Amino acid sequence: MTETTADHRDSYPPTPEFAAAANADATLYQRAAADREAFWAEQAGRLHWHQPFEQVLDWTAAPVARWFV
């Protein structure tokens, strides 16, 4: 049987020093899961936009998603 990357179940957690220096933690994922559009609007607000977006996510042409319309 050929082994693929998907077959690997190894885990390589970061060192405590690396994790302590991280600029994000599990709360970031929790906030994104709770309200993804508000989360991404907040993240996008940290960037400069030449033209501000009016809508975070547009699914009107599903399955194609348009972000920051």
N, C-alpha and C. Protein backbone atom coordinates (compact mmCIF):
# COMPACT_ATOMS: atom_id res chain seq x y z
N MET A 1 0.84 -1.18 0.00
CA MET A 1 0.00 0.00 0.00
C MET A 1 0.89 1.25 0.00
N THR A 2 0.53 2.21 -0.81
CA THR A 2 1.27 3.46 -0.88
C THR A 2 0.79 4.39 0.23
N GLU A 3 1.75 4.96 0.93
CA GLU A 3 1.41 5.87 2.02
C GLU A 3 1.37 7.30 1.48
N THR A 4 0.33 8.04 1.83
CA THR A 4 0.22 9.43 1.40
C THR A 4 0.31 10.36 2.61
N THR A 5 0.42 11.63 2.34
CA THR A 5 0.48 12.60 3.42
C THR A 5 -0.76 12.52 4.30
N ALA A 6 -1.92 12.27 3.71
CA ALA A 6 -3.17 12.18 4.47
C ALA A 6 -3.17 11.01 5.44
N ASP A 7 -2.31 10.01 5.19
CA ASP A 7 -2.24 8.85 6.07
C ASP A 7 -1.48 9.14 7.36
N HIS A 8 -0.70 10.21 7.39
CA HIS A 8 0.10 10.52 8.57
C HIS A 8 -0.77 11.17 9.64
N ARG A 9 -0.63 10.69 10.85
CA ARG A 9 -1.39 11.25 11.96
C ARG A 9 -0.44 11.85 13.00
N ASP A 10 0.78 12.10 12.61
CA ASP A 10 1.75 12.66 13.54
C ASP A 10 1.38 14.09 13.90
N SER A 11 1.77 14.49 15.08
CA SER A 11 1.52 15.85 15.54
C SER A 11 2.85 16.43 16.01
N TYR A 12 3.09 17.67 15.64
CA TYR A 12 4.33 18.34 16.01
C TYR A 12 3.98 19.65 16.70
N PRO A 13 3.61 19.59 17.97
CA PRO A 13 3.22 20.81 18.66
C PRO A 13 4.41 21.77 18.80
N PRO A 14 4.13 23.07 18.88
CA PRO A 14 5.21 24.04 19.03
C PRO A 14 5.83 23.94 20.42
N THR A 15 7.04 24.42 20.52
CA THR A 15 7.68 24.47 21.84
C THR A 15 6.95 25.51 22.69
N PRO A 16 7.03 25.41 24.00
CA PRO A 16 6.40 26.42 24.85
C PRO A 16 6.91 27.84 24.56
N GLU A 17 8.19 27.97 24.25
CA GLU A 17 8.76 29.29 23.94
C GLU A 17 8.14 29.85 22.66
N PHE A 18 7.98 29.02 21.66
CA PHE A 18 7.38 29.46 20.40
C PHE A 18 5.94 29.87 20.62
N ALA A 19 5.19 29.06 21.34
CA ALA A 19 3.78 29.35 21.61
C ALA A 19 3.63 30.64 22.41
N ALA A 20 4.53 30.87 23.35
CA ALA A 20 4.45 32.08 24.17
C ALA A 20 4.67 33.34 23.33
N ALA A 21 5.42 33.23 22.25
CA ALA A 21 5.71 34.38 21.39
C ALA A 21 4.66 34.57 20.29
N ALA A 22 3.69 33.67 20.20
CA ALA A 22 2.68 33.75 19.14
C ALA A 22 1.81 34.97 19.31
N ASN A 23 1.32 35.51 18.20
CA ASN A 23 0.44 36.68 18.27
C ASN A 23 -1.04 36.29 18.22
N ALA A 24 -1.34 35.01 18.32
CA ALA A 24 -2.71 34.53 18.32
C ALA A 24 -2.80 33.28 19.19
N ASP A 25 -3.99 33.02 19.69
CA ASP A 25 -4.21 31.81 20.46
C ASP A 25 -5.58 31.24 20.09
N ALA A 26 -6.04 30.28 20.86
CA ALA A 26 -7.29 29.59 20.53
C ALA A 26 -8.50 30.53 20.52
N THR A 27 -8.44 31.63 21.25
CA THR A 27 -9.59 32.55 21.25
C THR A 27 -9.82 33.15 19.87
N LEU A 28 -8.77 33.28 19.09
CA LEU A 28 -8.91 33.79 17.73
C LEU A 28 -9.81 32.85 16.91
N TYR A 29 -9.59 31.56 17.03
CA TYR A 29 -10.41 30.58 16.31
C TYR A 29 -11.84 30.58 16.83
N GLN A 30 -12.00 30.74 18.14
CA GLN A 30 -13.34 30.76 18.73
C GLN A 30 -14.13 31.96 18.23
N ARG A 31 -13.50 33.13 18.16
CA ARG A 31 -14.17 34.32 17.65
C ARG A 31 -14.57 34.14 16.19
N ALA A 32 -13.69 33.54 15.41
CA ALA A 32 -13.99 33.30 13.99
C ALA A 32 -15.16 32.33 13.85
N ALA A 33 -15.20 31.32 14.66
CA ALA A 33 -16.28 30.33 14.58
C ALA A 33 -17.62 30.93 15.04
N ALA A 34 -17.57 31.83 16.00
CA ALA A 34 -18.80 32.41 16.55
C ALA A 34 -19.50 33.33 15.55
N ASP A 35 -18.73 34.09 14.78
CA ASP A 35 -19.31 35.02 13.80
C ASP A 35 -18.25 35.31 12.74
N ARG A 36 -18.20 34.47 11.74
CA ARG A 36 -17.09 34.56 10.78
C ARG A 36 -17.07 35.87 10.01
N GLU A 37 -18.24 36.39 9.64
CA GLU A 37 -18.23 37.64 8.87
C GLU A 37 -17.74 38.81 9.71
N ALA A 38 -18.17 38.89 10.95
CA ALA A 38 -17.70 39.97 11.83
C ALA A 38 -16.20 39.81 12.08
N PHE A 39 -15.76 38.58 12.25
CA PHE A 39 -14.34 38.32 12.46
C PHE A 39 -13.52 38.81 11.27
N TRP A 40 -13.94 38.43 10.06
CA TRP A 40 -13.17 38.81 8.88
C TRP A 40 -13.29 40.30 8.58
N ALA A 41 -14.41 40.92 8.92
CA ALA A 41 -14.53 42.37 8.77
C ALA A 41 -13.52 43.06 9.69
N GLU A 42 -13.39 42.54 10.91
CA GLU A 42 -12.42 43.11 11.86
C GLU A 42 -10.99 42.94 11.33
N GLN A 43 -10.68 41.76 10.81
CA GLN A 43 -9.33 41.53 10.29
C GLN A 43 -9.06 42.41 9.08
N ALA A 44 -10.05 42.54 8.21
CA ALA A 44 -9.89 43.38 7.01
C ALA A 44 -9.73 44.84 7.39
N GLY A 45 -10.33 45.23 8.51
CA GLY A 45 -10.21 46.59 8.96
C GLY A 45 -8.79 46.97 9.37
N ARG A 46 -7.95 45.99 9.55
CA ARG A 46 -6.55 46.24 9.91
C ARG A 46 -5.72 46.58 8.67
N LEU A 47 -6.31 46.44 7.48
CA LEU A 47 -5.61 46.71 6.23
C LEU A 47 -6.06 48.03 5.63
N HIS A 48 -5.23 48.57 4.76
CA HIS A 48 -5.61 49.77 4.01
C HIS A 48 -6.35 49.32 2.75
N TRP A 49 -7.51 49.92 2.51
CA TRP A 49 -8.29 49.62 1.31
C TRP A 49 -8.39 50.91 0.50
N HIS A 50 -8.04 50.85 -0.77
CA HIS A 50 -8.19 52.02 -1.63
C HIS A 50 -9.66 52.36 -1.80
N GLN A 51 -10.48 51.34 -1.81
CA GLN A 51 -11.93 51.53 -1.88
C GLN A 51 -12.53 50.62 -0.81
N PRO A 52 -13.22 51.18 0.16
CA PRO A 52 -13.77 50.35 1.24
C PRO A 52 -14.78 49.32 0.71
N PHE A 53 -14.78 48.16 1.31
CA PHE A 53 -15.77 47.15 0.91
C PHE A 53 -17.08 47.46 1.62
N GLU A 54 -18.17 47.04 0.99
CA GLU A 54 -19.50 47.26 1.56
C GLU A 54 -20.10 45.97 2.11
N GLN A 55 -19.54 44.86 1.67
CA GLN A 55 -20.07 43.56 2.09
C GLN A 55 -18.90 42.62 2.30
N VAL A 56 -18.91 41.91 3.42
CA VAL A 56 -17.81 41.01 3.73
C VAL A 56 -17.86 39.78 2.84
N LEU A 57 -19.02 39.15 2.73
CA LEU A 57 -19.13 37.90 1.98
C LEU A 57 -20.41 37.90 1.16
N ASP A 58 -20.29 37.61 -0.12
CA ASP A 58 -21.44 37.56 -1.03
C ASP A 58 -21.54 36.15 -1.61
N TRP A 59 -22.61 35.45 -1.25
CA TRP A 59 -22.85 34.09 -1.75
C TRP A 59 -23.95 34.06 -2.81
N THR A 60 -24.34 35.19 -3.37
CA THR A 60 -25.46 35.20 -4.31
C THR A 60 -25.19 34.37 -5.57
N ALA A 61 -23.96 34.16 -5.90
CA ALA A 61 -23.62 33.35 -7.07
C ALA A 61 -23.05 32.00 -6.65
N ALA A 62 -23.64 31.41 -5.59
CA ALA A 62 -23.15 30.13 -5.06
C ALA A 62 -23.03 29.12 -6.19
N PRO A 63 -22.00 28.33 -6.21
CA PRO A 63 -21.04 28.07 -5.15
C PRO A 63 -19.84 29.02 -5.13
N VAL A 64 -19.89 30.08 -5.87
CA VAL A 64 -18.78 31.04 -5.89
C VAL A 64 -19.00 32.08 -4.80
N ALA A 65 -18.01 32.23 -3.93
CA ALA A 65 -18.07 33.24 -2.88
C ALA A 65 -17.23 34.44 -3.27
N ARG A 66 -17.75 35.62 -3.02
CA ARG A 66 -17.00 36.85 -3.28
C ARG A 66 -16.77 37.53 -1.93
N TRP A 67 -15.51 37.74 -1.59
CA TRP A 67 -15.15 38.35 -0.32
C TRP A 67 -14.84 39.82 -0.50
N PHE A 68 -15.23 40.61 0.49
CA PHE A 68 -14.92 42.04 0.56
C PHE A 68 -15.35 42.79 -0.71
N VAL A 69 -16.61 42.65 -1.00
CA VAL A 69 -17.21 43.24 -2.20
C VAL A 69 -17.41 44.73 -1.97
